[in-house]
């Protein structure tokens, strides 16, 4: 999750056992994205596809296994998230 989305989710989402729960109606679909020009939108979509592609290499693990220990995340997944984070931050002028 991008840093901007993390801030949003922690503000409007619920916390369960110290973890943020992201629901479609309360958090995900309400993220205040600005109108994006096609270039920026394309960069964000490419970043999201890179995250999904990196996850696919570890399909046998669930999301908790991939994200439960930030220090143990596979480097290619970390890199994909960093790319997506930069694209989202740039779209928000951060």
PDB file of N, CA and C in Angstrom:
ATOM      1  N   UNK A   1       0.861  -1.156   0.000  1.00  0.00           N
ATOM      2  CA  UNK A   1       0.000   0.000   0.000  1.00  0.00           C
ATOM      3  C   UNK A   1       0.909   1.219   0.000  1.00  0.00           C
ATOM      4  N   UNK A   2       0.538   2.209  -0.781  1.00  0.00           N
ATOM      5  CA  UNK A   2       1.352   3.416  -0.834  1.00  0.00           C
ATOM      6  C   UNK A   2       1.278   4.160   0.493  1.00  0.00           C
ATOM      7  N   UNK A   3       2.242   5.011   0.720  1.00  0.00           N
ATOM      8  CA  UNK A   3       2.242   5.781   1.963  1.00  0.00           C
ATOM      9  C   UNK A   3       1.008   6.660   2.052  1.00  0.00           C
ATOM     10  N   UNK A   4       0.626   7.263   0.922  1.00  0.00           N
ATOM     11  CA  UNK A   4      -0.564   8.118   0.914  1.00  0.00           C
ATOM     12  C   UNK A   4      -1.810   7.297   1.250  1.00  0.00           C
ATOM     13  N   UNK A   5      -1.915   6.111   0.653  1.00  0.00           N
ATOM     14  CA  UNK A   5      -3.073   5.262   0.942  1.00  0.00           C
ATOM     15  C   UNK A   5      -3.040   4.769   2.380  1.00  0.00           C
ATOM     16  N   UNK A   6      -1.860   4.490   2.909  1.00  0.00           N
ATOM     17  CA  UNK A   6      -1.730   4.064   4.297  1.00  0.00           C
ATOM     18  C   UNK A   6      -2.266   5.144   5.236  1.00  0.00           C
ATOM     19  N   UNK A   7      -1.911   6.389   4.968  1.00  0.00           N
ATOM     20  CA  UNK A   7      -2.397   7.495   5.797  1.00  0.00           C
ATOM     21  C   UNK A   7      -3.919   7.574   5.717  1.00  0.00           C
ATOM     22  N   UNK A   8      -4.455   7.456   4.498  1.00  0.00           N
ATOM     23  CA  UNK A   8      -5.904   7.490   4.306  1.00  0.00           C
ATOM     24  C   UNK A   8      -6.565   6.319   5.041  1.00  0.00           C
ATOM     25  N   UNK A   9      -6.060   5.125   4.833  1.00  0.00           N
ATOM     26  CA  UNK A   9      -6.663   3.936   5.435  1.00  0.00           C
ATOM     27  C   UNK A   9      -6.614   3.989   6.953  1.00  0.00           C
ATOM     28  N   UNK A  10      -5.524   4.483   7.501  1.00  0.00           N
ATOM     29  CA  UNK A  10      -5.426   4.548   8.956  1.00  0.00           C
ATOM     30  C   UNK A  10      -6.331   5.638   9.531  1.00  0.00           C
ATOM     31  N   UNK A  11      -6.723   6.590   8.697  1.00  0.00           N
ATOM     32  CA  UNK A  11      -7.624   7.657   9.146  1.00  0.00           C
ATOM     33  C   UNK A  11      -9.090   7.243   9.079  1.00  0.00           C
ATOM     34  N   UNK A  12      -9.478   6.525   8.022  1.00  0.00           N
ATOM     35  CA  UNK A  12     -10.891   6.208   7.834  1.00  0.00           C
ATOM     36  C   UNK A  12     -11.221   4.729   8.009  1.00  0.00           C
ATOM     37  N   UNK A  13     -10.207   3.874   8.071  1.00  0.00           N
ATOM     38  CA  UNK A  13     -10.437   2.442   8.230  1.00  0.00           C
ATOM     39  C   UNK A  13     -10.572   2.054   9.680  1.00  0.00           C
ATOM     40  N   UNK A  14     -10.723   0.777   9.904  1.00  0.00           N
ATOM     41  CA  UNK A  14     -10.791   0.260  11.265  1.00  0.00           C
ATOM     42  C   UNK A  14      -9.496  -0.484  11.569  1.00  0.00           C
ATOM     43  N   UNK A  15      -9.174  -0.536  12.832  1.00  0.00           N
ATOM     44  CA  UNK A  15      -7.970  -1.230  13.268  1.00  0.00           C
ATOM     45  C   UNK A  15      -8.401  -2.472  14.028  1.00  0.00           C
ATOM     46  N   UNK A  16      -7.838  -3.602  13.626  1.00  0.00           N
ATOM     47  CA  UNK A  16      -8.162  -4.883  14.255  1.00  0.00           C
ATOM     48  C   UNK A  16      -6.854  -5.534  14.678  1.00  0.00           C
ATOM     49  N   UNK A  17      -6.622  -5.606  15.951  1.00  0.00           N
ATOM     50  CA  UNK A  17      -5.395  -6.223  16.451  1.00  0.00           C
ATOM     51  C   UNK A  17      -4.149  -5.473  16.032  1.00  0.00           C
ATOM     52  N   UNK A  18      -4.238  -4.156  15.890  1.00  0.00           N
ATOM     53  CA  UNK A  18      -3.089  -3.357  15.496  1.00  0.00           C
ATOM     54  C   UNK A  18      -2.890  -3.265  13.992  1.00  0.00           C
ATOM     55  N   UNK A  19      -3.736  -3.932  13.219  1.00  0.00           N
ATOM     56  CA  UNK A  19      -3.639  -3.902  11.754  1.00  0.00           C
ATOM     57  C   UNK A  19      -4.821  -3.150  11.169  1.00  0.00           C
ATOM     58  N   UNK A  20      -4.558  -2.422  10.109  1.00  0.00           N
ATOM     59  CA  UNK A  20      -5.615  -1.672   9.441  1.00  0.00           C
ATOM     60  C   UNK A  20      -6.413  -2.619   8.563  1.00  0.00           C
ATOM     61  N   UNK A  21      -7.723  -2.566   8.704  1.00  0.00           N
ATOM     62  CA  UNK A  21      -8.609  -3.351   7.849  1.00  0.00           C
ATOM     63  C   UNK A  21      -9.105  -2.439   6.732  1.00  0.00           C
ATOM     64  N   UNK A  22      -8.874  -2.865   5.507  1.00  0.00           N
ATOM     65  CA  UNK A  22      -9.256  -2.069   4.344  1.00  0.00           C
ATOM     66  C   UNK A  22     -10.481  -2.707   3.714  1.00  0.00           C
ATOM     67  N   UNK A  23     -11.607  -2.026   3.834  1.00  0.00           N
ATOM     68  CA  UNK A  23     -12.842  -2.488   3.207  1.00  0.00           C
ATOM     69  C   UNK A  23     -13.128  -1.670   1.962  1.00  0.00           C
ATOM     70  N   UNK A  24     -13.799  -2.281   1.018  1.00  0.00           N
ATOM     71  CA  UNK A  24     -14.097  -1.605  -0.254  1.00  0.00           C
ATOM     72  C   UNK A  24     -14.941  -0.356  -0.043  1.00  0.00           C
ATOM     73  N   UNK A  25     -15.986  -0.463   0.749  1.00  0.00           N
ATOM     74  CA  UNK A  25     -16.910   0.662   0.902  1.00  0.00           C
ATOM     75  C   UNK A  25     -16.352   1.782   1.777  1.00  0.00           C
ATOM     76  N   UNK A  26     -15.644   1.431   2.831  1.00  0.00           N
ATOM     77  CA  UNK A  26     -15.191   2.438   3.787  1.00  0.00           C
ATOM     78  C   UNK A  26     -13.840   3.048   3.451  1.00  0.00           C
ATOM     79  N   UNK A  27     -12.990   2.334   2.757  1.00  0.00           N
ATOM     80  CA  UNK A  27     -11.625   2.819   2.560  1.00  0.00           C
ATOM     81  C   UNK A  27     -11.225   2.836   1.092  1.00  0.00           C
ATOM     82  N   UNK A  28     -11.220   1.667   0.485  1.00  0.00           N
ATOM     83  CA  UNK A  28     -10.650   1.523  -0.859  1.00  0.00           C
ATOM     84  C   UNK A  28     -11.352   2.400  -1.898  1.00  0.00           C
ATOM     85  N   UNK A  29     -12.663   2.298  -1.976  1.00  0.00           N
ATOM     86  CA  UNK A  29     -13.403   3.038  -3.000  1.00  0.00           C
ATOM     87  C   UNK A  29     -13.594   4.513  -2.664  1.00  0.00           C
ATOM     88  N   UNK A  30     -13.181   4.937  -1.493  1.00  0.00           N
ATOM     89  CA  UNK A  30     -13.358   6.334  -1.106  1.00  0.00           C
ATOM     90  C   UNK A  30     -12.049   7.126  -1.116  1.00  0.00           C
ATOM     91  N   UNK A  31     -10.953   6.489  -1.560  1.00  0.00           N
ATOM     92  CA  UNK A  31      -9.671   7.191  -1.602  1.00  0.00           C
ATOM     93  C   UNK A  31      -9.801   8.406  -2.517  1.00  0.00           C
ATOM     94  N   UNK A  32      -9.425   9.592  -2.041  1.00  0.00           N
ATOM     95  CA  UNK A  32      -9.664  10.831  -2.800  1.00  0.00           C
ATOM     96  C   UNK A  32      -8.626  11.092  -3.904  1.00  0.00           C
ATOM     97  N   UNK A  33      -8.639  10.250  -4.930  1.00  0.00           N
ATOM     98  CA  UNK A  33      -7.735  10.464  -6.062  1.00  0.00           C
ATOM     99  C   UNK A  33      -8.162  11.696  -6.847  1.00  0.00           C
ATOM    100  N   UNK A  34      -7.208  12.512  -7.258  1.00  0.00           N
ATOM    101  CA  UNK A  34      -7.554  13.644  -8.131  1.00  0.00           C
ATOM    102  C   UNK A  34      -7.818  13.117  -9.547  1.00  0.00           C
ATOM    103  N   UNK A  35      -8.367  13.966 -10.396  1.00  0.00           N
ATOM    104  CA  UNK A  35      -8.482  13.592 -11.802  1.00  0.00           C
ATOM    105  C   UNK A  35      -7.064  13.442 -12.339  1.00  0.00           C
ATOM    106  N   UNK A  36      -6.813  12.333 -12.981  1.00  0.00           N
ATOM    107  CA  UNK A  36      -5.460  12.029 -13.437  1.00  0.00           C
ATOM    108  C   UNK A  36      -5.360  12.159 -14.948  1.00  0.00           C
ATOM    109  N   UNK A  37      -4.249  12.736 -15.399  1.00  0.00           N
ATOM    110  CA  UNK A  37      -4.034  12.749 -16.841  1.00  0.00           C
ATOM    111  C   UNK A  37      -3.612  11.338 -17.258  1.00  0.00           C
ATOM    112  N   UNK A  38      -3.769  10.998 -18.525  1.00  0.00           N
ATOM    113  CA  UNK A  38      -3.498   9.632 -18.977  1.00  0.00           C
ATOM    114  C   UNK A  38      -2.093   9.132 -18.670  1.00  0.00           C
ATOM    115  N   UNK A  39      -1.093   9.976 -18.727  1.00  0.00           N
ATOM    116  CA  UNK A  39       0.292   9.563 -18.440  1.00  0.00           C
ATOM    117  C   UNK A  39       0.442   9.119 -16.989  1.00  0.00           C
ATOM    118  N   UNK A  40      -0.068   9.920 -16.074  1.00  0.00           N
ATOM    119  CA  UNK A  40       0.039   9.598 -14.646  1.00  0.00           C
ATOM    120  C   UNK A  40      -0.766   8.344 -14.326  1.00  0.00           C
ATOM    121  N   UNK A  41      -1.970   8.273 -14.877  1.00  0.00           N
ATOM    122  CA  UNK A  41      -2.809   7.085 -14.660  1.00  0.00           C
ATOM    123  C   UNK A  41      -2.093   5.827 -15.151  1.00  0.00           C
ATOM    124  N   UNK A  42      -1.452   5.922 -16.298  1.00  0.00           N
ATOM    125  CA  UNK A  42      -0.721   4.797 -16.865  1.00  0.00           C
ATOM    126  C   UNK A  42       0.424   4.365 -15.949  1.00  0.00           C
ATOM    127  N   UNK A  43       1.117   5.323 -15.348  1.00  0.00           N
ATOM    128  CA  UNK A  43       2.219   5.006 -14.441  1.00  0.00           C
ATOM    129  C   UNK A  43       1.715   4.294 -13.182  1.00  0.00           C
ATOM    130  N   UNK A  44       0.584   4.743 -12.670  1.00  0.00           N
ATOM    131  CA  UNK A  44       0.008   4.099 -11.479  1.00  0.00           C
ATOM    132  C   UNK A  44      -0.457   2.691 -11.825  1.00  0.00           C
ATOM    133  N   UNK A  45      -1.107   2.544 -12.970  1.00  0.00           N
ATOM    134  CA  UNK A  45      -1.552   1.210 -13.386  1.00  0.00           C
ATOM    135  C   UNK A  45      -0.371   0.268 -13.586  1.00  0.00           C
ATOM    136  N   UNK A  46       0.710   0.773 -14.175  1.00  0.00           N
ATOM    137  CA  UNK A  46       1.915  -0.058 -14.365  1.00  0.00           C
ATOM    138  C   UNK A  46       2.500  -0.462 -13.016  1.00  0.00           C
ATOM    139  N   UNK A  47       2.490   0.450 -12.063  1.00  0.00           N
ATOM    140  CA  UNK A  47       2.977   0.138 -10.719  1.00  0.00           C
ATOM    141  C   UNK A  47       2.123  -0.922 -10.044  1.00  0.00           C
ATOM    142  N   UNK A  48       0.815  -0.814 -10.195  1.00  0.00           N
ATOM    143  CA  UNK A  48      -0.079  -1.815  -9.602  1.00  0.00           C
ATOM    144  C   UNK A  48       0.119  -3.181 -10.254  1.00  0.00           C
ATOM    145  N   UNK A  49       0.285  -3.194 -11.572  1.00  0.00           N
ATOM    146  CA  UNK A  49       0.545  -4.470 -12.258  1.00  0.00           C
ATOM    147  C   UNK A  49       1.869  -5.079 -11.798  1.00  0.00           C
ATOM    148  N   UNK A  50       2.868  -4.240 -11.545  1.00  0.00           N
ATOM    149  CA  UNK A  50       4.162  -4.737 -11.069  1.00  0.00           C
ATOM    150  C   UNK A  50       4.024  -5.381  -9.691  1.00  0.00           C
ATOM    151  N   UNK A  51       3.192  -4.810  -8.823  1.00  0.00           N
ATOM    152  CA  UNK A  51       2.952  -5.402  -7.505  1.00  0.00           C
ATOM    153  C   UNK A  51       2.285  -6.761  -7.662  1.00  0.00           C
ATOM    154  N   UNK A  52       1.244  -6.818  -8.500  1.00  0.00           N
ATOM    155  CA  UNK A  52       0.541  -8.084  -8.705  1.00  0.00           C
ATOM    156  C   UNK A  52       1.457  -9.138  -9.327  1.00  0.00           C
ATOM    157  N   UNK A  53       2.303  -8.712 -10.242  1.00  0.00           N
ATOM    158  CA  UNK A  53       3.238  -9.639 -10.871  1.00  0.00           C
ATOM    159  C   UNK A  53       4.243 -10.179  -9.841  1.00  0.00           C
ATOM    160  N   UNK A  54       4.769  -9.295  -9.008  1.00  0.00           N
ATOM    161  CA  UNK A  54       5.712  -9.729  -7.977  1.00  0.00           C
ATOM    162  C   UNK A  54       5.043 -10.696  -7.013  1.00  0.00           C
ATOM    163  N   UNK A  55       3.781 -10.430  -6.653  1.00  0.00           N
ATOM    164  CA  UNK A  55       3.059 -11.333  -5.755  1.00  0.00           C
ATOM    165  C   UNK A  55       2.868 -12.707  -6.382  1.00  0.00           C
ATOM    166  N   UNK A  56       2.679 -12.749  -7.694  1.00  0.00           N
ATOM    167  CA  UNK A  56       2.383 -14.015  -8.359  1.00  0.00           C
ATOM    168  C   UNK A  56       3.529 -15.022  -8.221  1.00  0.00           C
ATOM    169  N   UNK A  57       4.733 -14.554  -8.018  1.00  0.00           N
ATOM    170  CA  UNK A  57       5.866 -15.459  -7.816  1.00  0.00           C
ATOM    171  C   UNK A  57       5.786 -16.183  -6.479  1.00  0.00           C
ATOM    172  N   UNK A  58       4.967 -15.647  -5.590  1.00  0.00           N
ATOM    173  CA  UNK A  58       4.843 -16.206  -4.247  1.00  0.00           C
ATOM    174  C   UNK A  58       3.403 -16.610  -3.972  1.00  0.00           C
ATOM    175  N   UNK A  59       2.745 -17.151  -4.985  1.00  0.00           N
ATOM    176  CA  UNK A  59       1.316 -17.467  -4.924  1.00  0.00           C
ATOM    177  C   UNK A  59       0.975 -18.444  -3.804  1.00  0.00           C
ATOM    178  N   UNK A  60       1.921 -19.294  -3.415  1.00  0.00           N
ATOM    179  CA  UNK A  60       1.617 -20.267  -2.372  1.00  0.00           C
ATOM    180  C   UNK A  60       1.445 -19.602  -1.011  1.00  0.00           C
ATOM    181  N   UNK A  61       1.982 -18.407  -0.844  1.00  0.00           N
ATOM    182  CA  UNK A  61       1.843 -17.696   0.425  1.00  0.00           C
ATOM    183  C   UNK A  61       0.635 -16.774   0.397  1.00  0.00           C
ATOM    184  N   UNK A  62       0.009 -16.613   1.544  1.00  0.00           N
ATOM    185  CA  UNK A  62      -1.089 -15.663   1.598  1.00  0.00           C
ATOM    186  C   UNK A  62      -0.524 -14.259   1.841  1.00  0.00           C
ATOM    187  N   UNK A  63      -1.391 -13.267   1.831  1.00  0.00           N
ATOM    188  CA  UNK A  63      -0.923 -11.890   1.988  1.00  0.00           C
ATOM    189  C   UNK A  63      -0.254 -11.670   3.336  1.00  0.00           C
ATOM    190  N   UNK A  64      -0.740 -12.327   4.369  1.00  0.00           N
ATOM    191  CA  UNK A  64      -0.106 -12.178   5.673  1.00  0.00           C
ATOM    192  C   UNK A  64       1.313 -12.725   5.642  1.00  0.00           C
ATOM    193  N   UNK A  65       1.513 -13.807   4.912  1.00  0.00           N
ATOM    194  CA  UNK A  65       2.858 -14.372   4.798  1.00  0.00           C
ATOM    195  C   UNK A  65       3.787 -13.415   4.048  1.00  0.00           C
ATOM    196  N   UNK A  66       3.252 -12.718   3.045  1.00  0.00           N
ATOM    197  CA  UNK A  66       4.074 -11.785   2.265  1.00  0.00           C
ATOM    198  C   UNK A  66       4.319 -10.470   2.996  1.00  0.00           C
ATOM    199  N   UNK A  67       3.301  -9.984   3.725  1.00  0.00           N
ATOM    200  CA  UNK A  67       3.377  -8.654   4.313  1.00  0.00           C
ATOM    201  C   UNK A  67       3.484  -8.639   5.830  1.00  0.00           C
ATOM    202  N   UNK A  68       3.351  -9.785   6.467  1.00  0.00           N
ATOM    203  CA  UNK A  68       3.354  -9.834   7.931  1.00  0.00           C
ATOM    204  C   UNK A  68       4.652  -9.357   8.555  1.00  0.00           C
ATOM    205  N   UNK A  69       5.762  -9.628   7.909  1.00  0.00           N
ATOM    206  CA  UNK A  69       7.073  -9.214   8.413  1.00  0.00           C
ATOM    207  C   UNK A  69       7.734  -8.350   7.346  1.00  0.00           C
ATOM    208  N   UNK A  70       7.664  -7.010   7.475  1.00  0.00           N
ATOM    209  CA  UNK A  70       8.236  -6.130   6.452  1.00  0.00           C
ATOM    210  C   UNK A  70       9.704  -6.416   6.152  1.00  0.00           C
ATOM    211  N   UNK A  71      10.447  -6.887   7.151  1.00  0.00           N
ATOM    212  CA  UNK A  71      11.859  -7.192   6.943  1.00  0.00           C
ATOM    213  C   UNK A  71      12.050  -8.445   6.088  1.00  0.00           C
ATOM    214  N   UNK A  72      11.023  -9.290   6.060  1.00  0.00           N
ATOM    215  CA  UNK A  72      11.122 -10.536   5.318  1.00  0.00           C
ATOM    216  C   UNK A  72      10.466 -10.508   3.951  1.00  0.00           C
ATOM    217  N   UNK A  73       9.992  -9.327   3.526  1.00  0.00           N
ATOM    218  CA  UNK A  73       9.342  -9.239   2.216  1.00  0.00           C
ATOM    219  C   UNK A  73      10.352  -9.495   1.105  1.00  0.00           C
ATOM    220  N   UNK A  74       9.930 -10.217   0.069  1.00  0.00           N
ATOM    221  CA  UNK A  74      10.827 -10.445  -1.063  1.00  0.00           C
ATOM    222  C   UNK A  74      11.248  -9.117  -1.700  1.00  0.00           C
ATOM    223  N   UNK A  75      12.523  -8.972  -2.043  1.00  0.00           N
ATOM    224  CA  UNK A  75      13.019  -7.701  -2.594  1.00  0.00           C
ATOM    225  C   UNK A  75      12.258  -7.216  -3.833  1.00  0.00           C
ATOM    226  N   UNK A  76      11.850  -8.134  -4.721  1.00  0.00           N
ATOM    227  CA  UNK A  76      11.132  -7.690  -5.912  1.00  0.00           C
ATOM    228  C   UNK A  76       9.759  -7.125  -5.558  1.00  0.00           C
ATOM    229  N   UNK A  77       9.141  -7.618  -4.486  1.00  0.00           N
ATOM    230  CA  UNK A  77       7.855  -7.072  -4.044  1.00  0.00           C
ATOM    231  C   UNK A  77       8.052  -5.698  -3.412  1.00  0.00           C
ATOM    232  N   UNK A  78       9.103  -5.553  -2.633  1.00  0.00           N
ATOM    233  CA  UNK A  78       9.424  -4.250  -2.038  1.00  0.00           C
ATOM    234  C   UNK A  78       9.651  -3.225  -3.148  1.00  0.00           C
ATOM    235  N   UNK A  79      10.428  -3.587  -4.151  1.00  0.00           N
ATOM    236  CA  UNK A  79      10.709  -2.681  -5.264  1.00  0.00           C
ATOM    237  C   UNK A  79       9.463  -2.299  -6.027  1.00  0.00           C
ATOM    238  N   UNK A  80       8.577  -3.257  -6.237  1.00  0.00           N
ATOM    239  CA  UNK A  80       7.326  -2.971  -6.949  1.00  0.00           C
ATOM    240  C   UNK A  80       6.469  -1.996  -6.151  1.00  0.00           C
ATOM    241  N   UNK A  81       6.413  -2.200  -4.835  1.00  0.00           N
ATOM    242  CA  UNK A  81       5.638  -1.275  -3.994  1.00  0.00           C
ATOM    243  C   UNK A  81       6.267   0.121  -3.988  1.00  0.00           C
ATOM    244  N   UNK A  82       7.575   0.192  -4.001  1.00  0.00           N
ATOM    245  CA  UNK A  82       8.233   1.505  -4.022  1.00  0.00           C
ATOM    246  C   UNK A  82       7.916   2.248  -5.315  1.00  0.00           C
ATOM    247  N   UNK A  83       7.903   1.534  -6.431  1.00  0.00           N
ATOM    248  CA  UNK A  83       7.562   2.139  -7.719  1.00  0.00           C
ATOM    249  C   UNK A  83       6.126   2.663  -7.693  1.00  0.00           C
ATOM    250  N   UNK A  84       5.207   1.856  -7.191  1.00  0.00           N
ATOM    251  CA  UNK A  84       3.812   2.272  -7.100  1.00  0.00           C
ATOM    252  C   UNK A  84       3.665   3.462  -6.153  1.00  0.00           C
ATOM    253  N   UNK A  85       4.360   3.419  -5.034  1.00  0.00           N
ATOM    254  CA  UNK A  85       4.301   4.504  -4.050  1.00  0.00           C
ATOM    255  C   UNK A  85       4.760   5.825  -4.675  1.00  0.00           C
ATOM    256  N   UNK A  86       5.838   5.785  -5.443  1.00  0.00           N
ATOM    257  CA  UNK A  86       6.322   7.010  -6.094  1.00  0.00           C
ATOM    258  C   UNK A  86       5.310   7.556  -7.082  1.00  0.00           C
ATOM    259  N   UNK A  87       4.652   6.669  -7.839  1.00  0.00           N
ATOM    260  CA  UNK A  87       3.661   7.113  -8.826  1.00  0.00           C
ATOM    261  C   UNK A  87       2.448   7.732  -8.146  1.00  0.00           C
ATOM    262  N   UNK A  88       1.970   7.108  -7.059  1.00  0.00           N
ATOM    263  CA  UNK A  88       0.812   7.651  -6.332  1.00  0.00           C
ATOM    264  C   UNK A  88       1.189   8.986  -5.687  1.00  0.00           C
ATOM    265  N   UNK A  89       2.338   9.055  -5.056  1.00  0.00           N
ATOM    266  CA  UNK A  89       2.780  10.306  -4.419  1.00  0.00           C
ATOM    267  C   UNK A  89       2.896  11.433  -5.443  1.00  0.00           C
ATOM    268  N   UNK A  90       3.439  11.127  -6.605  1.00  0.00           N
ATOM    269  CA  UNK A  90       3.568  12.158  -7.653  1.00  0.00           C
ATOM    270  C   UNK A  90       2.198  12.622  -8.117  1.00  0.00           C
ATOM    271  N   UNK A  91       1.238  11.715  -8.196  1.00  0.00           N
ATOM    272  CA  UNK A  91      -0.104  12.102  -8.643  1.00  0.00           C
ATOM    273  C   UNK A  91      -0.778  13.031  -7.654  1.00  0.00           C
ATOM    274  N   UNK A  92      -0.372  12.938  -6.376  1.00  0.00           N
ATOM    275  CA  UNK A  92      -0.935  13.782  -5.330  1.00  0.00           C
ATOM    276  C   UNK A  92      -0.088  15.021  -5.046  1.00  0.00           C
ATOM    277  N   UNK A  93       0.967  15.179  -5.832  1.00  0.00           N
ATOM    278  CA  UNK A  93       1.839  16.343  -5.658  1.00  0.00           C
ATOM    279  C   UNK A  93       2.735  16.237  -4.439  1.00  0.00           C
ATOM    280  N   UNK A  94       3.030  15.024  -4.018  1.00  0.00           N
ATOM    281  CA  UNK A  94       3.873  14.824  -2.824  1.00  0.00           C
ATOM    282  C   UNK A  94       5.300  14.516  -3.208  1.00  0.00           C
TER     283      UNK A  94
END
